[in-house]
């Protein structure tokens, strides 16, 4: 399965599934990470963590571990 953390800078994908449950899943959904949404990887930090993503016009930084729980389809 492809996951959000595998995107390279500038690459886009569509969110397809979640591995998280509970409060973290609700928080991601509140930030705009919902199935069917296009997300773009903007930039990786020099250390690799966190990574900035563009979601519905907002820039959101996620840790690699959290991004690895979000399934995507590459476009």
N, C-alpha and C. Protein backbone atom coordinates (compact mmCIF):
# COMPACT_ATOMS: atom_id res chain seq x y z
N UNK A 1 0.84 -1.18 0.00
CA UNK A 1 0.00 0.00 0.00
C UNK A 1 0.89 1.24 0.00
N UNK A 2 0.52 2.23 -0.79
CA UNK A 2 1.23 3.50 -0.81
C UNK A 2 0.76 4.35 0.37
N UNK A 3 1.70 5.02 1.00
CA UNK A 3 1.36 5.86 2.14
C UNK A 3 1.88 7.28 1.93
N UNK A 4 1.33 8.20 2.68
CA UNK A 4 1.64 9.62 2.53
C UNK A 4 3.13 9.91 2.74
N UNK A 5 3.78 9.18 3.61
CA UNK A 5 5.19 9.46 3.89
C UNK A 5 6.10 9.10 2.72
N UNK A 6 5.60 8.41 1.69
CA UNK A 6 6.41 8.04 0.53
C UNK A 6 6.41 9.10 -0.57
N UNK A 7 5.65 10.19 -0.38
CA UNK A 7 5.63 11.25 -1.38
C UNK A 7 6.95 12.01 -1.37
N UNK A 8 7.41 12.37 -2.56
CA UNK A 8 8.58 13.23 -2.69
C UNK A 8 8.12 14.68 -2.77
N UNK A 9 9.03 15.62 -2.56
CA UNK A 9 8.70 17.04 -2.64
C UNK A 9 8.04 17.34 -3.98
N UNK A 10 6.90 18.04 -3.94
CA UNK A 10 6.18 18.43 -5.14
C UNK A 10 5.21 17.40 -5.67
N UNK A 11 5.24 16.19 -5.16
CA UNK A 11 4.38 15.12 -5.65
C UNK A 11 3.00 15.21 -5.00
N UNK A 12 1.95 14.85 -5.78
CA UNK A 12 0.58 14.88 -5.29
C UNK A 12 0.00 13.47 -5.21
N UNK A 13 -1.00 13.31 -4.34
CA UNK A 13 -1.70 12.03 -4.19
C UNK A 13 -3.10 12.32 -3.65
N UNK A 14 -3.95 11.30 -3.72
CA UNK A 14 -5.30 11.38 -3.18
C UNK A 14 -5.37 10.47 -1.96
N UNK A 15 -5.90 10.97 -0.87
CA UNK A 15 -6.02 10.17 0.35
C UNK A 15 -7.07 9.09 0.13
N UNK A 16 -6.71 7.85 0.50
CA UNK A 16 -7.64 6.73 0.28
C UNK A 16 -8.06 6.03 1.57
N UNK A 17 -7.21 6.03 2.60
CA UNK A 17 -7.56 5.31 3.83
C UNK A 17 -6.75 5.83 5.01
N UNK A 18 -7.17 5.39 6.22
CA UNK A 18 -6.48 5.75 7.45
C UNK A 18 -6.12 4.51 8.24
N UNK A 19 -4.98 4.55 8.88
CA UNK A 19 -4.59 3.48 9.79
C UNK A 19 -4.82 3.90 11.24
N UNK A 20 -4.97 5.19 11.46
CA UNK A 20 -5.18 5.70 12.82
C UNK A 20 -6.63 5.53 13.26
N UNK A 21 -6.80 5.54 14.55
CA UNK A 21 -8.13 5.51 15.14
C UNK A 21 -8.17 6.54 16.26
N UNK A 22 -9.33 6.81 16.75
CA UNK A 22 -9.49 7.67 17.92
C UNK A 22 -9.18 9.12 17.67
N UNK A 23 -8.54 9.74 18.67
CA UNK A 23 -8.31 11.17 18.67
C UNK A 23 -7.41 11.63 17.52
N UNK A 24 -6.37 10.85 17.19
CA UNK A 24 -5.46 11.25 16.11
C UNK A 24 -6.20 11.27 14.77
N UNK A 25 -7.03 10.29 14.53
CA UNK A 25 -7.80 10.26 13.28
C UNK A 25 -8.74 11.46 13.21
N UNK A 26 -9.42 11.75 14.29
CA UNK A 26 -10.33 12.91 14.29
C UNK A 26 -9.56 14.21 14.05
N UNK A 27 -8.40 14.32 14.64
CA UNK A 27 -7.58 15.53 14.46
C UNK A 27 -7.15 15.68 13.00
N UNK A 28 -6.70 14.60 12.38
CA UNK A 28 -6.31 14.65 10.97
C UNK A 28 -7.50 15.01 10.08
N UNK A 29 -8.66 14.44 10.38
CA UNK A 29 -9.86 14.78 9.61
C UNK A 29 -10.23 16.25 9.78
N UNK A 30 -10.09 16.78 10.99
CA UNK A 30 -10.35 18.20 11.23
C UNK A 30 -9.39 19.10 10.44
N UNK A 31 -8.17 18.62 10.21
CA UNK A 31 -7.18 19.38 9.45
C UNK A 31 -7.38 19.27 7.94
N UNK A 32 -8.30 18.40 7.50
CA UNK A 32 -8.59 18.26 6.08
C UNK A 32 -8.12 16.97 5.45
N UNK A 33 -7.50 16.10 6.21
CA UNK A 33 -7.03 14.81 5.70
C UNK A 33 -8.20 13.82 5.70
N UNK A 34 -9.05 13.91 4.68
CA UNK A 34 -10.19 13.00 4.54
C UNK A 34 -10.08 12.26 3.21
N UNK A 35 -10.59 11.03 3.16
CA UNK A 35 -10.53 10.27 1.90
C UNK A 35 -11.10 11.06 0.73
N UNK A 36 -10.39 11.00 -0.40
CA UNK A 36 -10.81 11.71 -1.61
C UNK A 36 -10.16 13.07 -1.77
N UNK A 37 -9.43 13.53 -0.77
CA UNK A 37 -8.78 14.85 -0.80
C UNK A 37 -7.40 14.75 -1.45
N UNK A 38 -7.09 15.71 -2.31
CA UNK A 38 -5.76 15.78 -2.92
C UNK A 38 -4.81 16.43 -1.93
N UNK A 39 -3.65 15.83 -1.76
CA UNK A 39 -2.62 16.36 -0.86
C UNK A 39 -1.31 16.43 -1.64
N UNK A 40 -0.53 17.49 -1.37
CA UNK A 40 0.76 17.66 -2.04
C UNK A 40 1.85 17.75 -0.99
N UNK A 41 2.94 17.05 -1.23
CA UNK A 41 4.10 17.14 -0.35
C UNK A 41 4.86 18.40 -0.74
N UNK A 42 5.00 19.32 0.18
CA UNK A 42 5.68 20.58 -0.11
C UNK A 42 7.17 20.50 0.17
N UNK A 43 7.52 19.98 1.34
CA UNK A 43 8.93 20.04 1.72
C UNK A 43 9.23 19.13 2.90
N UNK A 44 10.36 18.45 2.82
CA UNK A 44 10.87 17.66 3.94
C UNK A 44 11.83 18.52 4.75
N UNK A 45 11.79 18.39 6.05
CA UNK A 45 12.76 19.07 6.91
C UNK A 45 14.14 18.46 6.65
N UNK A 46 15.21 19.20 6.88
CA UNK A 46 16.55 18.66 6.66
C UNK A 46 16.80 17.34 7.41
N UNK A 47 16.21 17.19 8.57
CA UNK A 47 16.38 15.96 9.35
C UNK A 47 15.42 14.86 8.89
N UNK A 48 14.46 15.21 8.00
CA UNK A 48 13.49 14.23 7.53
C UNK A 48 12.18 14.27 8.28
N UNK A 49 12.15 14.93 9.40
CA UNK A 49 10.95 15.02 10.22
C UNK A 49 10.79 16.42 10.76
N UNK A 50 9.68 17.09 10.65
CA UNK A 50 8.43 16.69 10.00
C UNK A 50 8.47 16.99 8.50
N UNK A 51 7.33 16.73 7.86
CA UNK A 51 7.16 17.00 6.43
C UNK A 51 5.96 17.92 6.27
N UNK A 52 6.10 18.94 5.42
CA UNK A 52 5.02 19.90 5.18
C UNK A 52 4.18 19.42 4.00
N UNK A 53 2.86 19.40 4.19
CA UNK A 53 1.91 19.00 3.15
C UNK A 53 0.91 20.12 2.92
N UNK A 54 0.45 20.25 1.69
CA UNK A 54 -0.61 21.19 1.35
C UNK A 54 -1.90 20.40 1.24
N UNK A 55 -2.88 20.78 2.07
CA UNK A 55 -4.17 20.11 2.10
C UNK A 55 -5.26 21.17 2.11
N UNK A 56 -6.07 21.21 1.07
CA UNK A 56 -7.19 22.16 0.99
C UNK A 56 -6.77 23.60 1.24
N UNK A 57 -5.61 23.98 0.71
CA UNK A 57 -5.13 25.35 0.80
C UNK A 57 -4.37 25.68 2.07
N UNK A 58 -4.23 24.73 2.97
CA UNK A 58 -3.49 24.95 4.21
C UNK A 58 -2.19 24.15 4.18
N UNK A 59 -1.18 24.64 4.87
CA UNK A 59 0.08 23.91 5.00
C UNK A 59 0.10 23.26 6.37
N UNK A 60 0.24 21.93 6.38
CA UNK A 60 0.21 21.15 7.61
C UNK A 60 1.50 20.34 7.70
N UNK A 61 2.15 20.35 8.85
CA UNK A 61 3.36 19.55 9.07
C UNK A 61 2.99 18.30 9.86
N UNK A 62 3.42 17.14 9.34
CA UNK A 62 3.17 15.86 10.01
C UNK A 62 4.49 15.13 10.22
N UNK A 63 4.54 14.37 11.30
CA UNK A 63 5.68 13.48 11.52
C UNK A 63 5.59 12.31 10.56
N UNK A 64 6.73 11.75 10.21
CA UNK A 64 6.78 10.61 9.28
C UNK A 64 5.93 9.45 9.78
N UNK A 65 5.95 9.18 11.06
CA UNK A 65 5.18 8.08 11.63
C UNK A 65 3.69 8.24 11.44
N UNK A 66 3.21 9.48 11.60
CA UNK A 66 1.78 9.74 11.39
C UNK A 66 1.42 9.66 9.92
N UNK A 67 2.29 10.18 9.05
CA UNK A 67 2.04 10.15 7.61
C UNK A 67 2.05 8.72 7.08
N UNK A 68 2.80 7.83 7.74
CA UNK A 68 2.87 6.43 7.30
C UNK A 68 1.57 5.68 7.54
N UNK A 69 0.67 6.25 8.33
CA UNK A 69 -0.61 5.63 8.62
C UNK A 69 -1.73 6.08 7.69
N UNK A 70 -1.40 6.96 6.73
CA UNK A 70 -2.40 7.48 5.80
C UNK A 70 -2.15 6.89 4.42
N UNK A 71 -3.10 6.10 3.94
CA UNK A 71 -2.99 5.48 2.62
C UNK A 71 -3.34 6.47 1.52
N UNK A 72 -2.60 6.41 0.41
CA UNK A 72 -2.84 7.33 -0.70
C UNK A 72 -2.78 6.59 -2.03
N UNK A 73 -3.36 7.22 -3.05
CA UNK A 73 -3.24 6.78 -4.43
C UNK A 73 -2.50 7.86 -5.17
N UNK A 74 -1.39 7.53 -5.81
CA UNK A 74 -0.61 8.53 -6.54
C UNK A 74 -1.36 8.98 -7.79
N UNK A 75 -1.24 10.29 -8.10
CA UNK A 75 -1.86 10.82 -9.33
C UNK A 75 -0.79 11.41 -10.22
